[in-house]
Amino acid sequence: MGSIKEIFECRRLESVLPAMSYGSQQIKELEHTIAKIDCDATVVATPIDIRRIMRLDKPTVRVSREIEERFKPTLEEILSERLRQLPS
């Protein structure tokens, strides 16, 4: 539905429903889309717990993720260098 459909199509996703922002319109679209999905449960892996801002009518479980940087330069090093290059 709406922007959710557009994101789904342009990213060629198959089994993941994207939440790209949390504006009121997209929250409504996401809530409506989840309600229409035939599934046993919903896995919430968003940076915020979307269950706090929308009503989900299916059982949900929230998962978190962490990143372990194993190569140099690290993301912090890359960003720090880029920030140093910005004009004052």
PDB file of N, CA and C in Angstrom:
ATOM      1  N   MET A   1       0.835  -1.180   0.000  1.00  0.00           N
ATOM      2  CA  MET A   1       0.000   0.000   0.000  1.00  0.00           C
ATOM      3  C   MET A   1       0.885   1.251   0.000  1.00  0.00           C
ATOM      4  N   GLY A   2       0.582   2.223  -0.820  1.00  0.00           N
ATOM      5  CA  GLY A   2       1.257   3.516  -0.814  1.00  0.00           C
ATOM      6  C   GLY A   2       2.762   3.450  -0.926  1.00  0.00           C
ATOM      7  N   SER A   3       3.435   4.198  -0.072  1.00  0.00           N
ATOM      8  CA  SER A   3       4.900   4.263  -0.121  1.00  0.00           C
ATOM      9  C   SER A   3       5.540   2.924   0.206  1.00  0.00           C
ATOM     10  N   ILE A   4       4.871   2.105   1.011  1.00  0.00           N
ATOM     11  CA  ILE A   4       5.400   0.775   1.335  1.00  0.00           C
ATOM     12  C   ILE A   4       5.507  -0.050   0.053  1.00  0.00           C
ATOM     13  N   LYS A   5       4.481   0.014  -0.786  1.00  0.00           N
ATOM     14  CA  LYS A   5       4.481  -0.716  -2.058  1.00  0.00           C
ATOM     15  C   LYS A   5       5.618  -0.229  -2.954  1.00  0.00           C
ATOM     16  N   GLU A   6       5.793   1.088  -3.032  1.00  0.00           N
ATOM     17  CA  GLU A   6       6.856   1.653  -3.863  1.00  0.00           C
ATOM     18  C   GLU A   6       8.236   1.173  -3.411  1.00  0.00           C
ATOM     19  N   ILE A   7       8.466   1.183  -2.118  1.00  0.00           N
ATOM     20  CA  ILE A   7       9.753   0.736  -1.575  1.00  0.00           C
ATOM     21  C   ILE A   7       9.952  -0.743  -1.873  1.00  0.00           C
ATOM     22  N   PHE A   8       8.905  -1.521  -1.678  1.00  0.00           N
ATOM     23  CA  PHE A   8       8.972  -2.951  -1.927  1.00  0.00           C
ATOM     24  C   PHE A   8       9.362  -3.226  -3.372  1.00  0.00           C
ATOM     25  N   GLU A   9       8.745  -2.523  -4.290  1.00  0.00           N
ATOM     26  CA  GLU A   9       9.000  -2.748  -5.712  1.00  0.00           C
ATOM     27  C   GLU A   9      10.394  -2.294  -6.134  1.00  0.00           C
ATOM     28  N   CYS A  10      10.847  -1.141  -5.659  1.00  0.00           N
ATOM     29  CA  CYS A  10      12.144  -0.637  -6.119  1.00  0.00           C
ATOM     30  C   CYS A  10      13.310  -1.390  -5.500  1.00  0.00           C
ATOM     31  N   ARG A  11      13.104  -2.028  -4.375  1.00  0.00           N
ATOM     32  CA  ARG A  11      14.194  -2.754  -3.728  1.00  0.00           C
ATOM     33  C   ARG A  11      14.161  -4.248  -4.019  1.00  0.00           C
ATOM     34  N   ARG A  12      13.144  -4.716  -4.723  1.00  0.00           N
ATOM     35  CA  ARG A  12      12.997  -6.137  -5.077  1.00  0.00           C
ATOM     36  C   ARG A  12      13.060  -7.035  -3.847  1.00  0.00           C
ATOM     37  N   LEU A  13      12.308  -6.668  -2.838  1.00  0.00           N
ATOM     38  CA  LEU A  13      12.255  -7.453  -1.610  1.00  0.00           C
ATOM     39  C   LEU A  13      11.262  -8.600  -1.768  1.00  0.00           C
ATOM     40  N   GLU A  14      11.497  -9.681  -1.068  1.00  0.00           N
ATOM     41  CA  GLU A  14      10.597 -10.823  -1.169  1.00  0.00           C
ATOM     42  C   GLU A  14       9.972 -11.207   0.159  1.00  0.00           C
ATOM     43  N   SER A  15      10.727 -11.218   1.244  1.00  0.00           N
ATOM     44  CA  SER A  15      10.177 -11.708   2.507  1.00  0.00           C
ATOM     45  C   SER A  15      10.390 -10.735   3.670  1.00  0.00           C
ATOM     46  N   VAL A  16      10.765  -9.509   3.351  1.00  0.00           N
ATOM     47  CA  VAL A  16      11.005  -8.497   4.379  1.00  0.00           C
ATOM     48  C   VAL A  16      10.145  -7.290   4.044  1.00  0.00           C
ATOM     49  N   LEU A  17       9.432  -6.798   5.037  1.00  0.00           N
ATOM     50  CA  LEU A  17       8.603  -5.605   4.857  1.00  0.00           C
ATOM     51  C   LEU A  17       9.362  -4.409   5.414  1.00  0.00           C
ATOM     52  N   PRO A  18       9.730  -3.444   4.572  1.00  0.00           N
ATOM     53  CA  PRO A  18      10.555  -2.334   5.034  1.00  0.00           C
ATOM     54  C   PRO A  18       9.754  -1.270   5.779  1.00  0.00           C
ATOM     55  N   ALA A  19      10.361  -0.689   6.777  1.00  0.00           N
ATOM     56  CA  ALA A  19       9.836   0.506   7.439  1.00  0.00           C
ATOM     57  C   ALA A  19      10.896   1.574   7.239  1.00  0.00           C
ATOM     58  N   MET A  20      10.661   2.483   6.332  1.00  0.00           N
ATOM     59  CA  MET A  20      11.690   3.445   5.958  1.00  0.00           C
ATOM     60  C   MET A  20      11.630   4.742   6.756  1.00  0.00           C
ATOM     61  N   SER A  21      10.482   5.058   7.300  1.00  0.00           N
ATOM     62  CA  SER A  21      10.368   6.246   8.152  1.00  0.00           C
ATOM     63  C   SER A  21       9.170   6.037   9.060  1.00  0.00           C
ATOM     64  N   TYR A  22       8.937   6.992   9.935  1.00  0.00           N
ATOM     65  CA  TYR A  22       7.856   6.816  10.897  1.00  0.00           C
ATOM     66  C   TYR A  22       6.902   8.003  10.870  1.00  0.00           C
ATOM     67  N   GLY A  23       6.677   8.554   9.687  1.00  0.00           N
ATOM     68  CA  GLY A  23       5.682   9.600   9.534  1.00  0.00           C
ATOM     69  C   GLY A  23       4.290   9.007   9.705  1.00  0.00           C
ATOM     70  N   SER A  24       3.323   9.838  10.030  1.00  0.00           N
ATOM     71  CA  SER A  24       1.981   9.319  10.326  1.00  0.00           C
ATOM     72  C   SER A  24       1.380   8.552   9.157  1.00  0.00           C
ATOM     73  N   GLN A  25       1.608   9.009   7.918  1.00  0.00           N
ATOM     74  CA  GLN A  25       1.054   8.302   6.759  1.00  0.00           C
ATOM     75  C   GLN A  25       1.698   6.934   6.596  1.00  0.00           C
ATOM     76  N   GLN A  26       3.021   6.860   6.711  1.00  0.00           N
ATOM     77  CA  GLN A  26       3.673   5.567   6.526  1.00  0.00           C
ATOM     78  C   GLN A  26       3.346   4.610   7.671  1.00  0.00           C
ATOM     79  N   ILE A  27       3.163   5.118   8.865  1.00  0.00           N
ATOM     80  CA  ILE A  27       2.759   4.262   9.984  1.00  0.00           C
ATOM     81  C   ILE A  27       1.410   3.615   9.672  1.00  0.00           C
ATOM     82  N   LYS A  28       0.463   4.419   9.156  1.00  0.00           N
ATOM     83  CA  LYS A  28      -0.850   3.876   8.785  1.00  0.00           C
ATOM     84  C   LYS A  28      -0.715   2.833   7.690  1.00  0.00           C
ATOM     85  N   GLU A  29       0.101   3.130   6.674  1.00  0.00           N
ATOM     86  CA  GLU A  29       0.306   2.195   5.566  1.00  0.00           C
ATOM     87  C   GLU A  29       0.937   0.897   6.054  1.00  0.00           C
ATOM     88  N   LEU A  30       1.928   1.011   6.914  1.00  0.00           N
ATOM     89  CA  LEU A  30       2.612  -0.172   7.434  1.00  0.00           C
ATOM     90  C   LEU A  30       1.665  -1.014   8.283  1.00  0.00           C
ATOM     91  N   GLU A  31       0.908  -0.364   9.143  1.00  0.00           N
ATOM     92  CA  GLU A  31      -0.060  -1.066   9.988  1.00  0.00           C
ATOM     93  C   GLU A  31      -1.090  -1.798   9.125  1.00  0.00           C
ATOM     94  N   HIS A  32      -1.596  -1.130   8.101  1.00  0.00           N
ATOM     95  CA  HIS A  32      -2.581  -1.731   7.197  1.00  0.00           C
ATOM     96  C   HIS A  32      -1.970  -2.917   6.439  1.00  0.00           C
ATOM     97  N   THR A  33      -0.755  -2.741   5.949  1.00  0.00           N
ATOM     98  CA  THR A  33      -0.081  -3.803   5.191  1.00  0.00           C
ATOM     99  C   THR A  33       0.148  -5.031   6.064  1.00  0.00           C
ATOM    100  N   ILE A  34       0.626  -4.832   7.284  1.00  0.00           N
ATOM    101  CA  ILE A  34       0.864  -5.959   8.196  1.00  0.00           C
ATOM    102  C   ILE A  34      -0.441  -6.673   8.499  1.00  0.00           C
ATOM    103  N   ALA A  35      -1.513  -5.926   8.673  1.00  0.00           N
ATOM    104  CA  ALA A  35      -2.817  -6.532   8.974  1.00  0.00           C
ATOM    105  C   ALA A  35      -3.287  -7.439   7.841  1.00  0.00           C
ATOM    106  N   LYS A  36      -2.914  -7.116   6.606  1.00  0.00           N
ATOM    107  CA  LYS A  36      -3.361  -7.902   5.449  1.00  0.00           C
ATOM    108  C   LYS A  36      -2.494  -9.132   5.174  1.00  0.00           C
ATOM    109  N   ILE A  37      -1.325  -9.211   5.791  1.00  0.00           N
ATOM    110  CA  ILE A  37      -0.401 -10.317   5.526  1.00  0.00           C
ATOM    111  C   ILE A  37      -0.880 -11.582   6.229  1.00  0.00           C
ATOM    112  N   ASP A  38      -0.890 -12.679   5.490  1.00  0.00           N
ATOM    113  CA  ASP A  38      -1.249 -13.973   6.070  1.00  0.00           C
ATOM    114  C   ASP A  38       0.016 -14.593   6.662  1.00  0.00           C
ATOM    115  N   CYS A  39       0.160 -14.475   7.990  1.00  0.00           N
ATOM    116  CA  CYS A  39       1.337 -15.016   8.657  1.00  0.00           C
ATOM    117  C   CYS A  39       0.983 -15.387  10.090  1.00  0.00           C
ATOM    118  N   ASP A  40       1.839 -16.180  10.701  1.00  0.00           N
ATOM    119  CA  ASP A  40       1.607 -16.606  12.083  1.00  0.00           C
ATOM    120  C   ASP A  40       2.096 -15.580  13.093  1.00  0.00           C
ATOM    121  N   ALA A  41       3.141 -14.832  12.732  1.00  0.00           N
ATOM    122  CA  ALA A  41       3.729 -13.865  13.657  1.00  0.00           C
ATOM    123  C   ALA A  41       4.509 -12.821  12.862  1.00  0.00           C
ATOM    124  N   THR A  42       4.804 -11.734  13.525  1.00  0.00           N
ATOM    125  CA  THR A  42       5.583 -10.648  12.938  1.00  0.00           C
ATOM    126  C   THR A  42       6.855 -10.465  13.752  1.00  0.00           C
ATOM    127  N   VAL A  43       7.991 -10.397  13.070  1.00  0.00           N
ATOM    128  CA  VAL A  43       9.269 -10.122  13.721  1.00  0.00           C
ATOM    129  C   VAL A  43       9.556  -8.632  13.543  1.00  0.00           C
ATOM    130  N   VAL A  44       9.678  -7.930  14.638  1.00  0.00           N
ATOM    131  CA  VAL A  44       9.945  -6.489  14.614  1.00  0.00           C
ATOM    132  C   VAL A  44      11.441  -6.281  14.818  1.00  0.00           C
ATOM    133  N   ALA A  45      12.099  -5.737  13.780  1.00  0.00           N
ATOM    134  CA  ALA A  45      13.548  -5.516  13.853  1.00  0.00           C
ATOM    135  C   ALA A  45      13.888  -4.070  13.543  1.00  0.00           C
ATOM    136  N   THR A  46      12.973  -3.169  13.841  1.00  0.00           N
ATOM    137  CA  THR A  46      13.179  -1.753  13.577  1.00  0.00           C
ATOM    138  C   THR A  46      13.982  -1.115  14.708  1.00  0.00           C
ATOM    139  N   PRO A  47      14.666  -0.004  14.423  1.00  0.00           N
ATOM    140  CA  PRO A  47      15.440   0.662  15.483  1.00  0.00           C
ATOM    141  C   PRO A  47      14.577   1.076  16.676  1.00  0.00           C
ATOM    142  N   ILE A  48      13.337   1.489  16.400  1.00  0.00           N
ATOM    143  CA  ILE A  48      12.416   1.769  17.502  1.00  0.00           C
ATOM    144  C   ILE A  48      11.427   0.614  17.578  1.00  0.00           C
ATOM    145  N   ASP A  49      10.802   0.444  18.698  1.00  0.00           N
ATOM    146  CA  ASP A  49       9.806  -0.618  18.847  1.00  0.00           C
ATOM    147  C   ASP A  49       8.493  -0.116  18.264  1.00  0.00           C
ATOM    148  N   ILE A  50       8.218  -0.475  17.005  1.00  0.00           N
ATOM    149  CA  ILE A  50       7.026   0.047  16.327  1.00  0.00           C
ATOM    150  C   ILE A  50       5.728  -0.371  17.004  1.00  0.00           C
ATOM    151  N   ARG A  51       5.792  -1.350  17.875  1.00  0.00           N
ATOM    152  CA  ARG A  51       4.579  -1.750  18.599  1.00  0.00           C
ATOM    153  C   ARG A  51       4.097  -0.625  19.506  1.00  0.00           C
ATOM    154  N   ARG A  52       4.957   0.334  19.797  1.00  0.00           N
ATOM    155  CA  ARG A  52       4.570   1.464  20.654  1.00  0.00           C
ATOM    156  C   ARG A  52       3.831   2.544  19.876  1.00  0.00           C
ATOM    157  N   ILE A  53       3.936   2.525  18.538  1.00  0.00           N
ATOM    158  CA  ILE A  53       3.305   3.581  17.746  1.00  0.00           C
ATOM    159  C   ILE A  53       2.221   3.068  16.802  1.00  0.00           C
ATOM    160  N   MET A  54       2.006   1.760  16.769  1.00  0.00           N
ATOM    161  CA  MET A  54       0.944   1.210  15.933  1.00  0.00           C
ATOM    162  C   MET A  54       0.367  -0.046  16.560  1.00  0.00           C
ATOM    163  N   ARG A  55      -0.839  -0.376  16.135  1.00  0.00           N
ATOM    164  CA  ARG A  55      -1.503  -1.574  16.640  1.00  0.00           C
ATOM    165  C   ARG A  55      -1.246  -2.720  15.669  1.00  0.00           C
ATOM    166  N   LEU A  56      -0.628  -3.769  16.149  1.00  0.00           N
ATOM    167  CA  LEU A  56      -0.384  -4.949  15.324  1.00  0.00           C
ATOM    168  C   LEU A  56      -1.325  -6.056  15.783  1.00  0.00           C
ATOM    169  N   ASP A  57      -2.018  -6.670  14.834  1.00  0.00           N
ATOM    170  CA  ASP A  57      -3.040  -7.655  15.181  1.00  0.00           C
ATOM    171  C   ASP A  57      -2.533  -9.097  15.151  1.00  0.00           C
ATOM    172  N   LYS A  58      -1.245  -9.269  15.105  1.00  0.00           N
ATOM    173  CA  LYS A  58      -0.630 -10.600  15.092  1.00  0.00           C
ATOM    174  C   LYS A  58       0.371 -10.701  16.236  1.00  0.00           C
ATOM    175  N   PRO A  59       0.674 -11.902  16.665  1.00  0.00           N
ATOM    176  CA  PRO A  59       1.734 -12.043  17.674  1.00  0.00           C
ATOM    177  C   PRO A  59       3.037 -11.451  17.127  1.00  0.00           C
ATOM    178  N   THR A  60       3.784 -10.774  17.989  1.00  0.00           N
ATOM    179  CA  THR A  60       5.037 -10.164  17.552  1.00  0.00           C
ATOM    180  C   THR A  60       6.170 -10.530  18.498  1.00  0.00           C
ATOM    181  N   VAL A  61       7.362 -10.517  17.948  1.00  0.00           N
ATOM    182  CA  VAL A  61       8.567 -10.669  18.745  1.00  0.00           C
ATOM    183  C   VAL A  61       9.533  -9.597  18.253  1.00  0.00           C
ATOM    184  N   ARG A  62      10.204  -8.945  19.172  1.00  0.00           N
ATOM    185  CA  ARG A  62      11.162  -7.913  18.801  1.00  0.00           C
ATOM    186  C   ARG A  62      12.573  -8.466  18.910  1.00  0.00           C
ATOM    187  N   VAL A  63      13.350  -8.234  17.886  1.00  0.00           N
ATOM    188  CA  VAL A  63      14.742  -8.673  17.883  1.00  0.00           C
ATOM    189  C   VAL A  63      15.639  -7.448  17.763  1.00  0.00           C
ATOM    190  N   SER A  64      16.858  -7.584  18.229  1.00  0.00           N
ATOM    191  CA  SER A  64      17.826  -6.504  18.084  1.00  0.00           C
ATOM    192  C   SER A  64      19.026  -7.050  17.328  1.00  0.00           C
ATOM    193  N   ARG A  65      19.867  -6.155  16.953  1.00  0.00           N
ATOM    194  CA  ARG A  65      21.054  -6.578  16.210  1.00  0.00           C
ATOM    195  C   ARG A  65      22.227  -5.718  16.636  1.00  0.00           C
ATOM    196  N   GLU A  66      23.386  -6.265  16.468  1.00  0.00           N
ATOM    197  CA  GLU A  66      24.620  -5.556  16.769  1.00  0.00           C
ATOM    198  C   GLU A  66      25.566  -5.729  15.601  1.00  0.00           C
ATOM    199  N   ILE A  67      26.494  -4.816  15.502  1.00  0.00           N
ATOM    200  CA  ILE A  67      27.493  -4.923  14.450  1.00  0.00           C
ATOM    201  C   ILE A  67      28.868  -5.110  15.097  1.00  0.00           C
ATOM    202  N   GLU A  68      29.614  -5.990  14.533  1.00  0.00           N
ATOM    203  CA  GLU A  68      30.996  -6.194  14.978  1.00  0.00           C
ATOM    204  C   GLU A  68      31.891  -5.893  13.790  1.00  0.00           C
ATOM    205  N   GLU A  69      32.600  -4.789  13.888  1.00  0.00           N
ATOM    206  CA  GLU A  69      33.478  -4.407  12.793  1.00  0.00           C
ATOM    207  C   GLU A  69      34.755  -5.231  12.859  1.00  0.00           C
ATOM    208  N   ARG A  70      35.054  -5.888  11.754  1.00  0.00           N
ATOM    209  CA  ARG A  70      36.213  -6.772  11.743  1.00  0.00           C
ATOM    210  C   ARG A  70      37.292  -6.315  10.765  1.00  0.00           C
ATOM    211  N   PHE A  71      37.040  -5.224  10.086  1.00  0.00           N
ATOM    212  CA  PHE A  71      37.993  -4.753   9.092  1.00  0.00           C
ATOM    213  C   PHE A  71      38.270  -3.267   9.298  1.00  0.00           C
ATOM    214  N   LYS A  72      39.404  -2.843   8.807  1.00  0.00           N
ATOM    215  CA  LYS A  72      39.801  -1.436   8.875  1.00  0.00           C
ATOM    216  C   LYS A  72      39.652  -0.842   7.483  1.00  0.00           C
ATOM    217  N   PRO A  73      39.283   0.399   7.340  1.00  0.00           N
ATOM    218  CA  PRO A  73      38.908   1.309   8.413  1.00  0.00           C
ATOM    219  C   PRO A  73      37.508   0.976   8.940  1.00  0.00           C
ATOM    220  N   THR A  74      37.288   1.316  10.198  1.00  0.00           N
ATOM    221  CA  THR A  74      35.974   1.106  10.803  1.00  0.00           C
ATOM    222  C   THR A  74      35.036   2.215  10.331  1.00  0.00           C
ATOM    223  N   LEU A  75      33.759   2.033  10.549  1.00  0.00           N
ATOM    224  CA  LEU A  75      32.792   3.058  10.196  1.00  0.00           C
ATOM    225  C   LEU A  75      33.100   4.359  10.925  1.00  0.00           C
ATOM    226  N   GLU A  76      33.458   4.259  12.202  1.00  0.00           N
ATOM    227  CA  GLU A  76      33.809   5.460  12.970  1.00  0.00           C
ATOM    228  C   GLU A  76      34.999   6.183  12.346  1.00  0.00           C
ATOM    229  N   GLU A  77      36.004   5.437  11.924  1.00  0.00           N
ATOM    230  CA  GLU A  77      37.187   6.052  11.312  1.00  0.00           C
ATOM    231  C   GLU A  77      36.828   6.729   9.983  1.00  0.00           C
ATOM    232  N   ILE A  78      35.998   6.090   9.198  1.00  0.00           N
ATOM    233  CA  ILE A  78      35.584   6.666   7.913  1.00  0.00           C
ATOM    234  C   ILE A  78      34.819   7.962   8.133  1.00  0.00           C
ATOM    235  N   LEU A  79      33.848   7.919   9.047  1.00  0.00           N
ATOM    236  CA  LEU A  79      33.044   9.111   9.315  1.00  0.00           C
ATOM    237  C   LEU A  79      33.881  10.238   9.916  1.00  0.00           C
ATOM    238  N   SER A  80      34.766   9.894  10.815  1.00  0.00           N
ATOM    239  CA  SER A  80      35.635  10.911  11.425  1.00  0.00           C
ATOM    240  C   SER A  80      36.477  11.603  10.369  1.00  0.00           C
ATOM    241  N   GLU A  81      37.034  10.840   9.448  1.00  0.00           N
ATOM    242  CA  GLU A  81      37.855  11.412   8.387  1.00  0.00           C
ATOM    243  C   GLU A  81      37.013  12.306   7.477  1.00  0.00           C
ATOM    244  N   ARG A  82      35.838  11.861   7.124  1.00  0.00           N
ATOM    245  CA  ARG A  82      34.955  12.667   6.271  1.00  0.00           C
ATOM    246  C   ARG A  82      34.557  13.960   6.973  1.00  0.00           C
ATOM    247  N   LEU A  83      34.274  13.887   8.260  1.00  0.00           N
ATOM    248  CA  LEU A  83      33.895  15.087   9.006  1.00  0.00           C
ATOM    249  C   LEU A  83      35.052  16.073   9.082  1.00  0.00           C
ATOM    250  N   ARG A  84      36.271  15.567   9.212  1.00  0.00           N
ATOM    251  CA  ARG A  84      37.440  16.453   9.246  1.00  0.00           C
ATOM    252  C   ARG A  84      37.611  17.185   7.900  1.00  0.00           C
ATOM    253  N   GLN A  85      37.168  16.574   6.824  1.00  0.00           N
ATOM    254  CA  GLN A  85      37.317  17.168   5.492  1.00  0.00           C
ATOM    255  C   GLN A  85      36.257  18.230   5.175  1.00  0.00           C
ATOM    256  N   LEU A  86      35.217  18.313   5.978  1.00  0.00           N
ATOM    257  CA  LEU A  86      34.174  19.306   5.734  1.00  0.00           C
ATOM    258  C   LEU A  86      34.679  20.709   6.036  1.00  0.00           C
ATOM    259  N   PRO A  87      34.241  21.684   5.237  1.00  0.00           N
ATOM    260  CA  PRO A  87      34.648  23.062   5.537  1.00  0.00           C
ATOM    261  C   PRO A  87      34.059  23.522   6.876  1.00  0.00           C
ATOM    262  N   SER A  88      34.804  24.340   7.565  1.00  0.00           N
ATOM    263  CA  SER A  88      34.362  24.825   8.886  1.00  0.00           C
ATOM    264  C   SER A  88      33.262  25.834   8.782  1.00  0.00           C
TER     265      SER A  88
END
